[in-house]
Protein backbone atom coordinates (compact mmCIF):
# COMPACT_ATOMS: atom_id res chain seq x y z
CA MET A 1 -39.10 -15.80 -1.39
CA GLN A 2 -41.34 -16.11 -4.39
CA GLY A 3 -44.62 -17.50 -3.22
CA ASP A 4 -43.95 -20.86 -1.60
CA VAL A 5 -40.51 -21.19 -3.23
CA LEU A 6 -37.29 -20.16 -1.53
CA VAL A 7 -34.86 -18.71 -4.06
CA VAL A 8 -31.19 -18.79 -3.13
CA SER A 9 -28.73 -16.82 -5.25
CA VAL A 10 -25.15 -17.94 -4.98
CA GLU A 11 -22.24 -15.97 -6.31
CA GLU A 12 -19.17 -18.10 -6.64
CA ALA A 13 -15.80 -16.54 -5.95
CA PRO A 14 -13.67 -16.32 -9.08
CA ALA A 15 -10.64 -18.48 -9.70
CA ILE A 16 -7.22 -17.04 -10.47
CA ALA A 17 -6.43 -17.63 -14.15
CA GLN A 18 -3.05 -15.93 -14.25
CA ILE A 19 -0.65 -13.84 -12.20
CA ASP A 20 1.70 -11.43 -13.96
CA ILE A 21 4.56 -9.85 -12.03
CA SER A 22 6.53 -6.93 -13.44
CA GLY A 23 9.18 -4.53 -12.22
CA VAL A 24 10.80 -6.77 -9.60
CA LYS A 25 14.55 -6.34 -9.90
CA ASP A 26 15.96 -7.37 -6.52
CA PHE A 27 14.00 -10.62 -6.26
CA SER A 28 13.42 -13.39 -8.75
CA SER A 29 9.86 -13.56 -10.07
CA ASP A 30 9.96 -17.27 -9.22
CA VAL A 31 10.66 -16.42 -5.58
CA VAL A 32 7.77 -13.94 -5.54
CA ARG A 33 5.47 -16.56 -7.11
CA ARG A 34 6.51 -19.16 -4.53
CA VAL A 35 5.77 -16.76 -1.66
CA LEU A 36 2.41 -15.84 -3.20
CA ARG A 37 1.57 -19.55 -3.55
CA GLU A 38 2.45 -20.14 0.11
CA GLN A 39 0.08 -17.31 1.04
CA GLY A 40 -2.76 -18.81 -1.00
CA LEU A 41 -2.43 -16.84 -4.25
CA ALA A 42 -1.73 -19.10 -7.21
CA GLU A 43 -3.21 -19.90 -10.57
CA GLY A 44 -6.19 -22.19 -10.18
CA ARG A 45 -6.96 -21.15 -6.60
CA ILE A 46 -9.95 -19.13 -5.46
CA PHE A 47 -9.28 -15.38 -5.51
CA GLU A 48 -9.49 -13.54 -2.20
CA ARG A 49 -8.80 -9.80 -2.38
CA SER A 50 -7.66 -9.67 1.25
CA LEU A 51 -4.88 -12.17 0.49
CA LEU A 52 -3.77 -10.06 -2.46
CA GLU A 53 -3.67 -6.89 -0.35
CA THR A 54 -1.72 -8.61 2.43
CA SER A 55 0.75 -10.10 -0.06
CA ALA A 56 1.26 -6.72 -1.74
CA GLN A 57 2.01 -5.09 1.63
CA GLU A 58 4.50 -7.84 2.52
CA LEU A 59 6.21 -7.54 -0.88
CA ASN A 60 6.46 -3.78 -0.41
CA GLY A 61 8.02 -4.34 3.03
CA SER A 62 10.53 -6.82 1.62
CA ILE A 63 11.58 -4.37 -1.07
CA PHE A 64 11.92 -1.59 1.51
CA ARG A 65 14.03 -3.84 3.76
CA ALA A 66 16.31 -4.42 0.77
CA ALA A 67 17.18 -0.69 1.07
CA ASN A 68 14.85 0.53 -1.68
CA THR A 69 13.14 3.65 -0.44
CA GLY A 70 9.92 4.79 -2.05
CA ALA A 71 9.00 1.33 -3.32
CA GLU A 72 5.46 0.94 -4.54
CA VAL A 73 3.46 -2.18 -5.31
CA GLN A 74 0.31 -1.79 -7.38
CA THR A 75 -2.11 -4.62 -7.97
CA THR A 76 -4.73 -4.84 -10.70
CA VAL A 77 -7.46 -7.46 -10.86
CA THR A 78 -9.07 -7.96 -14.27
CA PRO A 79 -12.26 -10.04 -14.53
CA LEU A 80 -12.14 -12.69 -17.26
CA GLU A 81 -14.77 -14.93 -18.78
CA ARG A 82 -15.97 -18.09 -16.99
CA ASN A 83 -15.66 -16.49 -13.52
CA ARG A 84 -11.89 -16.10 -13.56
CA VAL A 85 -9.55 -13.18 -12.85
CA ALA A 86 -6.11 -12.10 -13.98
CA ILE A 87 -3.86 -10.47 -11.40
CA ASN A 88 -1.13 -8.02 -12.34
CA ILE A 89 1.43 -7.04 -9.71
CA ALA A 90 3.48 -4.04 -10.84
CA VAL A 91 6.45 -3.08 -8.67
CA THR A 92 8.23 0.25 -8.80
CA GLU A 93 11.39 -0.02 -6.76
CA GLY A 94 12.50 3.33 -5.41
CA ASP A 95 16.01 4.66 -5.07
CA VAL A 96 18.54 2.51 -3.29
CA ALA A 97 19.38 3.97 0.12
CA LYS A 98 23.05 4.82 0.60
CA ILE A 99 24.89 5.06 3.88
CA ARG A 100 26.64 8.39 4.05
CA SER A 101 27.83 8.27 7.62
CA ILE A 102 27.21 6.76 11.02
CA ASN A 103 26.84 9.05 14.00
CA LEU A 104 26.89 7.66 17.51
CA VAL A 105 25.21 9.93 20.03
CA GLY A 106 25.92 9.93 23.75
CA VAL A 107 29.18 8.02 23.61
CA GLN A 108 30.98 8.66 26.90
CA ALA A 109 32.26 5.34 28.28
CA PHE A 110 34.49 4.55 25.27
CA ARG A 111 35.94 6.13 22.16
CA GLU A 112 33.63 6.55 19.19
CA LYS A 113 36.34 5.22 16.87
CA ASP A 114 36.47 1.93 18.83
CA LEU A 115 32.74 1.46 18.32
CA LEU A 116 32.85 2.40 14.65
CA ASP A 117 35.58 -0.20 14.14
CA LEU A 118 33.03 -2.84 15.15
CA PHE A 119 30.90 -2.06 12.09
CA VAL A 120 31.70 -3.60 8.71
CA LEU A 121 30.63 -1.97 5.46
CA ARG A 122 29.78 -4.67 2.93
CA THR A 123 29.11 -4.18 -0.74
CA GLN A 124 26.54 -6.38 -2.42
CA ALA A 125 26.28 -6.78 -6.15
CA GLY A 126 22.76 -7.02 -7.44
CA SER A 127 20.73 -6.48 -10.57
CA ARG A 128 20.60 -2.76 -9.79
CA GLY A 129 24.35 -2.36 -9.31
CA THR A 130 26.22 -2.43 -6.05
CA ARG A 131 24.86 -1.34 -2.72
CA SER A 132 26.44 -0.91 0.67
CA THR A 133 25.12 -2.45 3.82
CA ILE A 134 26.40 -2.22 7.35
CA ASN A 135 26.68 -5.22 9.60
CA ILE A 136 28.20 -5.52 13.01
CA ARG A 137 31.24 -7.73 12.65
CA ALA A 138 30.68 -11.26 13.95
CA SER A 139 33.34 -10.72 16.60
CA ALA A 140 31.32 -7.79 17.88
CA SER A 141 29.04 -10.03 19.88
CA LEU A 142 27.14 -8.90 22.91
CA ALA A 143 30.16 -9.89 25.03
CA THR A 144 32.36 -7.50 23.03
CA TRP A 145 29.86 -4.69 23.56
CA ARG A 146 29.77 -5.47 27.28
CA ARG A 147 33.56 -5.21 27.51
CA CYS A 148 33.32 -1.76 25.96
CA ALA A 149 30.44 -0.59 28.11
CA PRO A 150 29.66 -2.64 31.22
CA THR A 151 26.27 -0.90 31.58
CA ILE A 152 24.80 -2.62 28.49
């Protein structure tokens, strides 16, 4: 208060002027932008740092789930004129995890080979070359597992 006058200072949250995304190889930048928009981060919207941090963590998790170990997502917020900010999202995708072997521990009710035959090794082609993923064959439903081991 200044004498009989109440002074209110308001600081307006900045608007997002631009979002730059670099280093994403396994996902399209358009897909990343769409996800960011759905989470509330888009050009023209009000900038909230907590949304940016949450989005960066989710992007890092998505990259890790795509078998990239050691992925890192760094965000930089640069203040611009007229109460705007520029956001830079720089992704460093780590090494692609490779499946060397599958070990089943405690197998007693059935042969290990029979269980291993239920797994299918698939190769996916991507922007970073091919990668192997393991899926349980569709015919290896819960019923198939129960036939092998009635205790499941």
